[in-house]
Amino acid sequence: CRVRDWMQDHPFVPVIAVILYAVFIVCGRAYFERRDPLSARRALALWNLSLSVFSFCGLVRTLPHLLHNLTHMSLRDNVCNDPESQFGSGSTGFWVQMFCLSKFPELLDTFFIVIHKKPLIFLHWYHHITVLLYCWHSYVSSSPTGIWFVVMNYAVHWIMYGYYFLMAIKRKPKWMNAMVITCAQISQMVVGVAVTLLAFYYYNPDGQGADSCWVTKENNLAACIMYGSYLFLFLQFFVRRYFKVSVDKKDKKKRS
């Protein structure tokens, strides 16, 4: 794959991207500190819609392949087999590649937060930085568990960005709320941690032939740390946002 070869030869690209991203956050927030926020609701709506449609297309092209592999191969094969032959070619391989590269334009999410002077929580920018670096490393190192993470992320992003789009155009149905999105994100992190632990279980650096496993210790350790930290942060966010709100409402009722 020419794209992967280019990525292998240019490991500094994601590092430069996250440095520029961090500089933008610091400088952008400083710039708008004493200025009125900009209004870019239409651009934000279009942005969220495009990411939702993109994620849906990616999900449609990768989920059937993962389900086919799960039904026709053992769990170990789905975690250990050569990713090039497993899912790295054809339309599925293309959408896996697009998934990894999409982490660059997704940094624009933060642009809208900054210009609108919305709260920028640690979880937001930490997630964007780490997922970009991890996806780049996973793709160039041919991680066999990659398709699991791709499918999960496409599914959650399809729903999440669709929700943000409806919020931006003020057409969100009453039954749809942010708690559902957060629960979906937490579920993604639980599965992510489970897959990385499963990969550690099957990891066999000395295996040959049928006993070989394409899992690399460094990449899987990074995945475990990343998904573990995401799970903790999303659970913390969930508790602080929803349980604290419920407690505050009960206290107000008691006082009144």
C-alpha atoms as a PDB file:
ATOM      1  CA  CYS A   1       0.000   0.000   0.000  1.00  0.00           C
ATOM      2  CA  ARG A   2       1.576   3.262  -1.138  1.00  0.00           C
ATOM      3  CA  VAL A   3      -0.233   5.348   1.486  1.00  0.00           C
ATOM      4  CA  ARG A   4       0.993   3.118   4.308  1.00  0.00           C
ATOM      5  CA  ASP A   5       4.526   3.158   2.921  1.00  0.00           C
ATOM      6  CA  TRP A   6       4.418   6.953   2.846  1.00  0.00           C
ATOM      7  CA  MET A   7       3.097   7.031   6.413  1.00  0.00           C
ATOM      8  CA  GLN A   8       5.887   4.709   7.550  1.00  0.00           C
ATOM      9  CA  ASP A   9       8.461   7.037   5.975  1.00  0.00           C
ATOM     10  CA  HIS A  10       6.934  10.162   7.578  1.00  0.00           C
ATOM     11  CA  PRO A  11       6.354   9.370  11.282  1.00  0.00           C
ATOM     12  CA  PHE A  12       6.763  13.056  12.183  1.00  0.00           C
ATOM     13  CA  VAL A  13       3.523  14.097  10.422  1.00  0.00           C
ATOM     14  CA  PRO A  14       1.108  13.208  13.284  1.00  0.00           C
ATOM     15  CA  VAL A  15       3.525  14.689  15.838  1.00  0.00           C
ATOM     16  CA  ILE A  16       3.591  18.019  13.983  1.00  0.00           C
ATOM     17  CA  ALA A  17      -0.197  17.889  13.643  1.00  0.00           C
ATOM     18  CA  VAL A  18      -0.820  17.487  17.379  1.00  0.00           C
ATOM     19  CA  ILE A  19       1.746  20.198  18.213  1.00  0.00           C
ATOM     20  CA  LEU A  20      -0.004  22.649  15.877  1.00  0.00           C
ATOM     21  CA  TYR A  21      -3.332  21.532  17.350  1.00  0.00           C
ATOM     22  CA  ALA A  22      -2.124  22.303  20.885  1.00  0.00           C
ATOM     23  CA  VAL A  23      -0.737  25.687  19.795  1.00  0.00           C
ATOM     24  CA  PHE A  24      -4.070  26.556  18.183  1.00  0.00           C
ATOM     25  CA  ILE A  25      -5.958  25.697  21.368  1.00  0.00           C
ATOM     26  CA  VAL A  26      -3.712  27.883  23.543  1.00  0.00           C
ATOM     27  CA  CYS A  27      -3.537  30.805  21.115  1.00  0.00           C
ATOM     28  CA  GLY A  28      -7.159  30.544  20.026  1.00  0.00           C
ATOM     29  CA  ARG A  29      -8.535  30.608  23.549  1.00  0.00           C
ATOM     30  CA  ALA A  30      -6.235  33.482  24.441  1.00  0.00           C
ATOM     31  CA  TYR A  31      -7.407  35.409  21.370  1.00  0.00           C
ATOM     32  CA  PHE A  32     -11.095  34.978  22.156  1.00  0.00           C
ATOM     33  CA  GLU A  33     -10.705  35.568  25.884  1.00  0.00           C
ATOM     34  CA  ARG A  34     -11.596  39.260  25.542  1.00  0.00           C
ATOM     35  CA  ARG A  35     -13.560  39.022  22.318  1.00  0.00           C
ATOM     36  CA  ASP A  36     -17.105  38.034  21.504  1.00  0.00           C
ATOM     37  CA  PRO A  37     -17.642  34.508  20.175  1.00  0.00           C
ATOM     38  CA  LEU A  38     -18.181  34.012  16.472  1.00  0.00           C
ATOM     39  CA  SER A  39     -21.364  32.530  15.056  1.00  0.00           C
ATOM     40  CA  ALA A  40     -20.782  29.610  12.697  1.00  0.00           C
ATOM     41  CA  ARG A  41     -23.864  27.495  13.335  1.00  0.00           C
ATOM     42  CA  ARG A  42     -24.495  26.698   9.672  1.00  0.00           C
ATOM     43  CA  ALA A  43     -20.880  25.673   9.088  1.00  0.00           C
ATOM     44  CA  LEU A  44     -20.971  23.585  12.270  1.00  0.00           C
ATOM     45  CA  ALA A  45     -24.190  21.871  11.143  1.00  0.00           C
ATOM     46  CA  LEU A  46     -22.705  21.071   7.734  1.00  0.00           C
ATOM     47  CA  TRP A  47     -19.502  19.819   9.365  1.00  0.00           C
ATOM     48  CA  ASN A  48     -21.348  17.476  11.716  1.00  0.00           C
ATOM     49  CA  LEU A  49     -23.595  16.219   8.931  1.00  0.00           C
ATOM     50  CA  SER A  50     -20.621  15.438   6.695  1.00  0.00           C
ATOM     51  CA  LEU A  51     -18.869  13.484   9.481  1.00  0.00           C
ATOM     52  CA  SER A  52     -22.058  11.592  10.278  1.00  0.00           C
ATOM     53  CA  VAL A  53     -22.557  10.605   6.620  1.00  0.00           C
ATOM     54  CA  PHE A  54     -18.874   9.708   6.286  1.00  0.00           C
ATOM     55  CA  SER A  55     -19.038   7.508   9.404  1.00  0.00           C
ATOM     56  CA  PHE A  56     -22.207   5.809   8.171  1.00  0.00           C
ATOM     57  CA  CYS A  57     -20.560   4.978   4.831  1.00  0.00           C
ATOM     58  CA  GLY A  58     -17.521   3.628   6.653  1.00  0.00           C
ATOM     59  CA  LEU A  59     -19.706   1.539   8.946  1.00  0.00           C
ATOM     60  CA  VAL A  60     -21.625   0.052   6.016  1.00  0.00           C
ATOM     61  CA  ARG A  61     -18.366  -0.959   4.329  1.00  0.00           C
ATOM     62  CA  THR A  62     -16.537  -2.385   7.368  1.00  0.00           C
ATOM     63  CA  LEU A  63     -19.164  -3.911   9.683  1.00  0.00           C
ATOM     64  CA  PRO A  64     -20.256  -6.689   7.253  1.00  0.00           C
ATOM     65  CA  HIS A  65     -16.601  -7.659   6.793  1.00  0.00           C
ATOM     66  CA  LEU A  66     -16.019  -7.913  10.541  1.00  0.00           C
ATOM     67  CA  LEU A  67     -19.217  -9.923  11.016  1.00  0.00           C
ATOM     68  CA  HIS A  68     -18.200 -12.253   8.191  1.00  0.00           C
ATOM     69  CA  ASN A  69     -14.805 -12.812   9.798  1.00  0.00           C
ATOM     70  CA  LEU A  70     -16.358 -13.464  13.202  1.00  0.00           C
ATOM     71  CA  THR A  71     -18.739 -16.037  11.755  1.00  0.00           C
ATOM     72  CA  HIS A  72     -16.241 -17.862   9.592  1.00  0.00           C
ATOM     73  CA  MET A  73     -13.080 -17.706  11.699  1.00  0.00           C
ATOM     74  CA  SER A  74     -12.146 -18.343  15.289  1.00  0.00           C
ATOM     75  CA  LEU A  75     -11.852 -15.521  17.812  1.00  0.00           C
ATOM     76  CA  ARG A  76      -8.095 -15.999  17.905  1.00  0.00           C
ATOM     77  CA  ASP A  77      -7.831 -15.681  14.125  1.00  0.00           C
ATOM     78  CA  ASN A  78      -9.841 -12.458  14.260  1.00  0.00           C
ATOM     79  CA  VAL A  79      -7.367 -11.045  16.761  1.00  0.00           C
ATOM     80  CA  CYS A  80      -4.112 -12.483  15.392  1.00  0.00           C
ATOM     81  CA  ASN A  81      -4.262 -13.039  11.641  1.00  0.00           C
ATOM     82  CA  ASP A  82      -2.388 -10.954   9.087  1.00  0.00           C
ATOM     83  CA  PRO A  83      -4.456  -7.744   8.779  1.00  0.00           C
ATOM     84  CA  GLU A  84      -3.461  -7.291   5.138  1.00  0.00           C
ATOM     85  CA  SER A  85      -5.321 -10.442   4.110  1.00  0.00           C
ATOM     86  CA  GLN A  86      -7.908 -10.177   6.898  1.00  0.00           C
ATOM     87  CA  PHE A  87      -9.329  -6.730   6.153  1.00  0.00           C
ATOM     88  CA  GLY A  88      -6.590  -4.541   4.685  1.00  0.00           C
ATOM     89  CA  SER A  89      -7.482  -4.812   1.021  1.00  0.00           C
ATOM     90  CA  GLY A  90     -10.428  -3.946  -1.217  1.00  0.00           C
ATOM     91  CA  SER A  91     -13.187  -1.576  -0.136  1.00  0.00           C
ATOM     92  CA  THR A  92     -12.825  -2.558   3.524  1.00  0.00           C
ATOM     93  CA  GLY A  93      -9.120  -1.750   3.445  1.00  0.00           C
ATOM     94  CA  PHE A  94      -9.887   1.591   1.818  1.00  0.00           C
ATOM     95  CA  TRP A  95     -12.355   2.556   4.550  1.00  0.00           C
ATOM     96  CA  VAL A  96      -9.938   1.436   7.260  1.00  0.00           C
ATOM     97  CA  GLN A  97      -7.361   3.708   5.660  1.00  0.00           C
ATOM     98  CA  MET A  98      -9.861   6.567   5.438  1.00  0.00           C
ATOM     99  CA  PHE A  99     -10.722   6.079   9.085  1.00  0.00           C
ATOM    100  CA  CYS A 100      -7.105   6.580  10.141  1.00  0.00           C
ATOM    101  CA  LEU A 101      -6.651   9.645   7.940  1.00  0.00           C
ATOM    102  CA  SER A 102      -9.968  11.155   9.085  1.00  0.00           C
ATOM    103  CA  LYS A 103      -8.474  11.794  12.523  1.00  0.00           C
ATOM    104  CA  PHE A 104      -6.707  14.824  11.026  1.00  0.00           C
ATOM    105  CA  PRO A 105      -9.798  16.726   9.819  1.00  0.00           C
ATOM    106  CA  GLU A 106     -11.660  15.699  12.978  1.00  0.00           C
ATOM    107  CA  LEU A 107      -9.370  18.086  14.849  1.00  0.00           C
ATOM    108  CA  LEU A 108     -11.616  20.829  13.431  1.00  0.00           C
ATOM    109  CA  ASP A 109     -14.180  19.867  16.077  1.00  0.00           C
ATOM    110  CA  THR A 110     -12.091  21.905  18.494  1.00  0.00           C
ATOM    111  CA  PHE A 111     -12.015  24.894  16.125  1.00  0.00           C
ATOM    112  CA  PHE A 112     -15.769  25.334  16.527  1.00  0.00           C
ATOM    113  CA  ILE A 113     -15.504  25.011  20.304  1.00  0.00           C
ATOM    114  CA  VAL A 114     -12.824  27.696  20.449  1.00  0.00           C
ATOM    115  CA  ILE A 115     -14.522  30.247  18.159  1.00  0.00           C
ATOM    116  CA  HIS A 116     -17.847  29.736  19.943  1.00  0.00           C
ATOM    117  CA  LYS A 117     -16.103  30.096  23.329  1.00  0.00           C
ATOM    118  CA  LYS A 118     -17.580  26.836  24.600  1.00  0.00           C
ATOM    119  CA  PRO A 119     -16.006  24.955  27.520  1.00  0.00           C
ATOM    120  CA  LEU A 120     -13.064  22.830  26.350  1.00  0.00           C
ATOM    121  CA  ILE A 121     -12.711  19.882  28.695  1.00  0.00           C
ATOM    122  CA  PHE A 122      -9.584  17.750  29.070  1.00  0.00           C
ATOM    123  CA  LEU A 123     -11.337  14.661  27.685  1.00  0.00           C
ATOM    124  CA  HIS A 124     -12.036  16.412  24.378  1.00  0.00           C
ATOM    125  CA  TRP A 125      -8.519  17.458  23.379  1.00  0.00           C
ATOM    126  CA  TYR A 126      -6.837  14.469  25.036  1.00  0.00           C
ATOM    127  CA  HIS A 127      -9.040  12.144  22.996  1.00  0.00           C
ATOM    128  CA  HIS A 128      -8.301  13.926  19.721  1.00  0.00           C
ATOM    129  CA  ILE A 129      -4.531  13.896  20.262  1.00  0.00           C
ATOM    130  CA  THR A 130      -4.164  10.325  21.458  1.00  0.00           C
ATOM    131  CA  VAL A 131      -6.524   8.755  18.935  1.00  0.00           C
ATOM    132  CA  LEU A 132      -4.716  10.459  16.040  1.00  0.00           C
ATOM    133  CA  LEU A 133      -1.310   9.232  17.228  1.00  0.00           C
ATOM    134  CA  TYR A 134      -2.611   5.733  17.952  1.00  0.00           C
ATOM    135  CA  CYS A 135      -4.435   5.324  14.635  1.00  0.00           C
ATOM    136  CA  TRP A 136      -1.322   6.392  12.717  1.00  0.00           C
ATOM    137  CA  HIS A 137       0.853   3.922  14.644  1.00  0.00           C
ATOM    138  CA  SER A 138      -1.697   1.113  14.287  1.00  0.00           C
ATOM    139  CA  TYR A 139      -1.939   1.573  10.544  1.00  0.00           C
ATOM    140  CA  VAL A 140       1.804   1.668   9.892  1.00  0.00           C
ATOM    141  CA  SER A 141       2.396  -1.307  12.216  1.00  0.00           C
ATOM    142  CA  SER A 142      -0.495  -3.310  10.683  1.00  0.00           C
ATOM    143  CA  SER A 143      -2.461  -3.939  13.866  1.00  0.00           C
ATOM    144  CA  PRO A 144      -4.705  -7.025  13.450  1.00  0.00           C
ATOM    145  CA  THR A 145      -7.286  -5.661  15.926  1.00  0.00           C
ATOM    146  CA  GLY A 146      -7.698  -2.461  13.934  1.00  0.00           C
ATOM    147  CA  ILE A 147     -10.974  -3.376  12.273  1.00  0.00           C
ATOM    148  CA  TRP A 148     -12.657  -3.852  15.662  1.00  0.00           C
ATOM    149  CA  PHE A 149     -11.813  -0.293  16.655  1.00  0.00           C
ATOM    150  CA  VAL A 150     -12.687   1.078  13.213  1.00  0.00           C
ATOM    151  CA  VAL A 151     -16.180  -0.443  13.217  1.00  0.00           C
ATOM    152  CA  MET A 152     -16.929   0.693  16.779  1.00  0.00           C
ATOM    153  CA  ASN A 153     -15.742   4.228  16.118  1.00  0.00           C
ATOM    154  CA  TYR A 154     -17.642   4.526  12.846  1.00  0.00           C
ATOM    155  CA  ALA A 155     -20.835   3.358  14.584  1.00  0.00           C
ATOM    156  CA  VAL A 156     -20.540   5.763  17.516  1.00  0.00           C
ATOM    157  CA  HIS A 157     -19.504   8.694  15.335  1.00  0.00           C
ATOM    158  CA  TRP A 158     -22.390   8.131  12.948  1.00  0.00           C
ATOM    159  CA  ILE A 159     -24.815   8.551  15.850  1.00  0.00           C
ATOM    160  CA  MET A 160     -22.828  11.219  17.707  1.00  0.00           C
ATOM    161  CA  TYR A 161     -22.251  13.580  14.786  1.00  0.00           C
ATOM    162  CA  GLY A 162     -25.827  13.027  13.639  1.00  0.00           C
ATOM    163  CA  TYR A 163     -26.942  14.152  17.104  1.00  0.00           C
ATOM    164  CA  TYR A 164     -24.670  17.217  16.938  1.00  0.00           C
ATOM    165  CA  PHE A 165     -26.084  18.062  13.500  1.00  0.00           C
ATOM    166  CA  LEU A 166     -29.654  17.970  14.792  1.00  0.00           C
ATOM    167  CA  MET A 167     -28.590  20.090  17.761  1.00  0.00           C
ATOM    168  CA  ALA A 168     -26.987  22.645  15.434  1.00  0.00           C
ATOM    169  CA  ILE A 169     -30.153  23.024  13.326  1.00  0.00           C
ATOM    170  CA  LYS A 170     -32.373  22.821  16.435  1.00  0.00           C
ATOM    171  CA  ARG A 171     -34.260  19.770  15.183  1.00  0.00           C
ATOM    172  CA  LYS A 172     -33.291  17.245  17.854  1.00  0.00           C
ATOM    173  CA  PRO A 173     -36.136  14.845  18.775  1.00  0.00           C
ATOM    174  CA  LYS A 174     -37.167  14.855  22.431  1.00  0.00           C
ATOM    175  CA  TRP A 175     -36.322  11.169  22.857  1.00  0.00           C
ATOM    176  CA  MET A 176     -32.720  11.737  21.801  1.00  0.00           C
ATOM    177  CA  ASN A 177     -30.420  13.032  24.531  1.00  0.00           C
ATOM    178  CA  ALA A 178     -26.729  13.373  25.292  1.00  0.00           C
ATOM    179  CA  MET A 179     -26.812  10.563  27.858  1.00  0.00           C
ATOM    180  CA  VAL A 180     -27.458   8.026  25.083  1.00  0.00           C
ATOM    181  CA  ILE A 181     -24.381   9.277  23.211  1.00  0.00           C
ATOM    182  CA  THR A 182     -22.225   9.065  26.340  1.00  0.00           C
ATOM    183  CA  CYS A 183     -23.450   5.521  27.051  1.00  0.00           C
ATOM    184  CA  ALA A 184     -22.563   4.509  23.490  1.00  0.00           C
ATOM    185  CA  GLN A 185     -19.082   5.986  23.945  1.00  0.00           C
ATOM    186  CA  ILE A 186     -18.612   4.151  27.247  1.00  0.00           C
ATOM    187  CA  SER A 187     -19.707   0.890  25.596  1.00  0.00           C
ATOM    188  CA  GLN A 188     -17.120   1.472  22.875  1.00  0.00           C
ATOM    189  CA  MET A 189     -14.392   1.875  25.478  1.00  0.00           C
ATOM    190  CA  VAL A 190     -15.458  -1.278  27.341  1.00  0.00           C
ATOM    191  CA  VAL A 191     -15.218  -3.313  24.136  1.00  0.00           C
ATOM    192  CA  GLY A 192     -11.911  -1.614  23.294  1.00  0.00           C
ATOM    193  CA  VAL A 193     -10.391  -2.635  26.621  1.00  0.00           C
ATOM    194  CA  ALA A 194     -11.769  -6.176  26.223  1.00  0.00           C
ATOM    195  CA  VAL A 195     -10.257  -6.557  22.735  1.00  0.00           C
ATOM    196  CA  THR A 196      -6.833  -5.339  23.878  1.00  0.00           C
ATOM    197  CA  LEU A 197      -6.884  -7.746  26.831  1.00  0.00           C
ATOM    198  CA  LEU A 198      -7.860 -10.542  24.459  1.00  0.00           C
ATOM    199  CA  ALA A 199      -4.962  -9.585  22.205  1.00  0.00           C
ATOM    200  CA  PHE A 200      -2.581  -9.807  25.177  1.00  0.00           C
ATOM    201  CA  TYR A 201      -3.973 -13.262  25.905  1.00  0.00           C
ATOM    202  CA  TYR A 202      -3.209 -14.462  22.368  1.00  0.00           C
ATOM    203  CA  TYR A 203       0.056 -12.523  22.066  1.00  0.00           C
ATOM    204  CA  ASN A 204       2.842 -14.922  21.175  1.00  0.00           C
ATOM    205  CA  PRO A 205       6.107 -13.267  20.067  1.00  0.00           C
ATOM    206  CA  ASP A 206       7.846 -16.616  19.520  1.00  0.00           C
ATOM    207  CA  GLY A 207       5.020 -18.314  17.614  1.00  0.00           C
ATOM    208  CA  GLN A 208       5.534 -19.613  14.107  1.00  0.00           C
ATOM    209  CA  GLY A 209       3.149 -20.828  11.447  1.00  0.00           C
ATOM    210  CA  ALA A 210      -0.284 -21.521  12.921  1.00  0.00           C
ATOM    211  CA  ASP A 211       0.880 -20.256  16.320  1.00  0.00           C
ATOM    212  CA  SER A 212       2.011 -16.869  15.032  1.00  0.00           C
ATOM    213  CA  CYS A 213       0.147 -13.734  16.040  1.00  0.00           C
ATOM    214  CA  TRP A 214       0.455 -10.332  14.356  1.00  0.00           C
ATOM    215  CA  VAL A 215      -0.211  -8.471  17.602  1.00  0.00           C
ATOM    216  CA  THR A 216       2.723  -6.263  18.604  1.00  0.00           C
ATOM    217  CA  LYS A 217       3.296  -5.643  22.286  1.00  0.00           C
ATOM    218  CA  GLU A 218       3.981  -1.908  21.924  1.00  0.00           C
ATOM    219  CA  ASN A 219       0.883  -1.151  19.868  1.00  0.00           C
ATOM    220  CA  ASN A 220      -1.419  -3.254  22.008  1.00  0.00           C
ATOM    221  CA  LEU A 221      -0.053  -1.719  25.206  1.00  0.00           C
ATOM    222  CA  ALA A 222      -0.754   1.725  23.756  1.00  0.00           C
ATOM    223  CA  ALA A 223      -4.283   0.615  22.899  1.00  0.00           C
ATOM    224  CA  CYS A 224      -4.845  -0.749  26.400  1.00  0.00           C
ATOM    225  CA  ILE A 225      -3.635   2.475  28.030  1.00  0.00           C
ATOM    226  CA  MET A 226      -5.620   4.601  25.612  1.00  0.00           C
ATOM    227  CA  TYR A 227      -8.911   2.738  25.928  1.00  0.00           C
ATOM    228  CA  GLY A 228      -8.438   2.296  29.671  1.00  0.00           C
ATOM    229  CA  SER A 229      -7.941   6.040  30.152  1.00  0.00           C
ATOM    230  CA  TYR A 230     -10.897   6.800  27.866  1.00  0.00           C
ATOM    231  CA  LEU A 231     -13.103   4.453  29.872  1.00  0.00           C
ATOM    232  CA  PHE A 232     -12.108   6.133  33.128  1.00  0.00           C
ATOM    233  CA  LEU A 233     -12.579   9.649  31.750  1.00  0.00           C
ATOM    234  CA  PHE A 234     -15.923   8.917  30.107  1.00  0.00           C
ATOM    235  CA  LEU A 235     -17.227   7.264  33.284  1.00  0.00           C
ATOM    236  CA  GLN A 236     -16.012  10.253  35.282  1.00  0.00           C
ATOM    237  CA  PHE A 237     -17.704  12.602  32.800  1.00  0.00           C
ATOM    238  CA  PHE A 238     -20.914  10.557  32.951  1.00  0.00           C
ATOM    239  CA  VAL A 239     -21.076  10.597  36.754  1.00  0.00           C
ATOM    240  CA  ARG A 240     -20.232  14.290  37.071  1.00  0.00           C
ATOM    241  CA  ARG A 241     -22.651  15.400  34.367  1.00  0.00           C
ATOM    242  CA  TYR A 242     -25.706  13.243  34.981  1.00  0.00           C
ATOM    243  CA  PHE A 243     -25.557  12.033  38.569  1.00  0.00           C
ATOM    244  CA  LYS A 244     -24.497  15.432  39.874  1.00  0.00           C
ATOM    245  CA  VAL A 245     -27.366  17.078  37.975  1.00  0.00           C
ATOM    246  CA  SER A 246     -29.819  14.590  39.493  1.00  0.00           C
ATOM    247  CA  VAL A 247     -28.493  15.216  43.001  1.00  0.00           C
ATOM    248  CA  ASP A 248     -28.620  18.998  42.530  1.00  0.00           C
ATOM    249  CA  LYS A 249     -32.222  18.801  41.321  1.00  0.00           C
ATOM    250  CA  LYS A 250     -33.221  16.720  44.349  1.00  0.00           C
ATOM    251  CA  ASP A 251     -31.517  19.198  46.694  1.00  0.00           C
ATOM    252  CA  LYS A 252     -33.368  22.108  45.088  1.00  0.00           C
ATOM    253  CA  LYS A 253     -36.708  20.319  45.478  1.00  0.00           C
ATOM    254  CA  LYS A 254     -36.011  19.622  49.146  1.00  0.00           C
ATOM    255  CA  ARG A 255     -35.068  23.244  49.780  1.00  0.00           C
ATOM    256  CA  SER A 256     -38.160  24.537  48.018  1.00  0.00           C
END
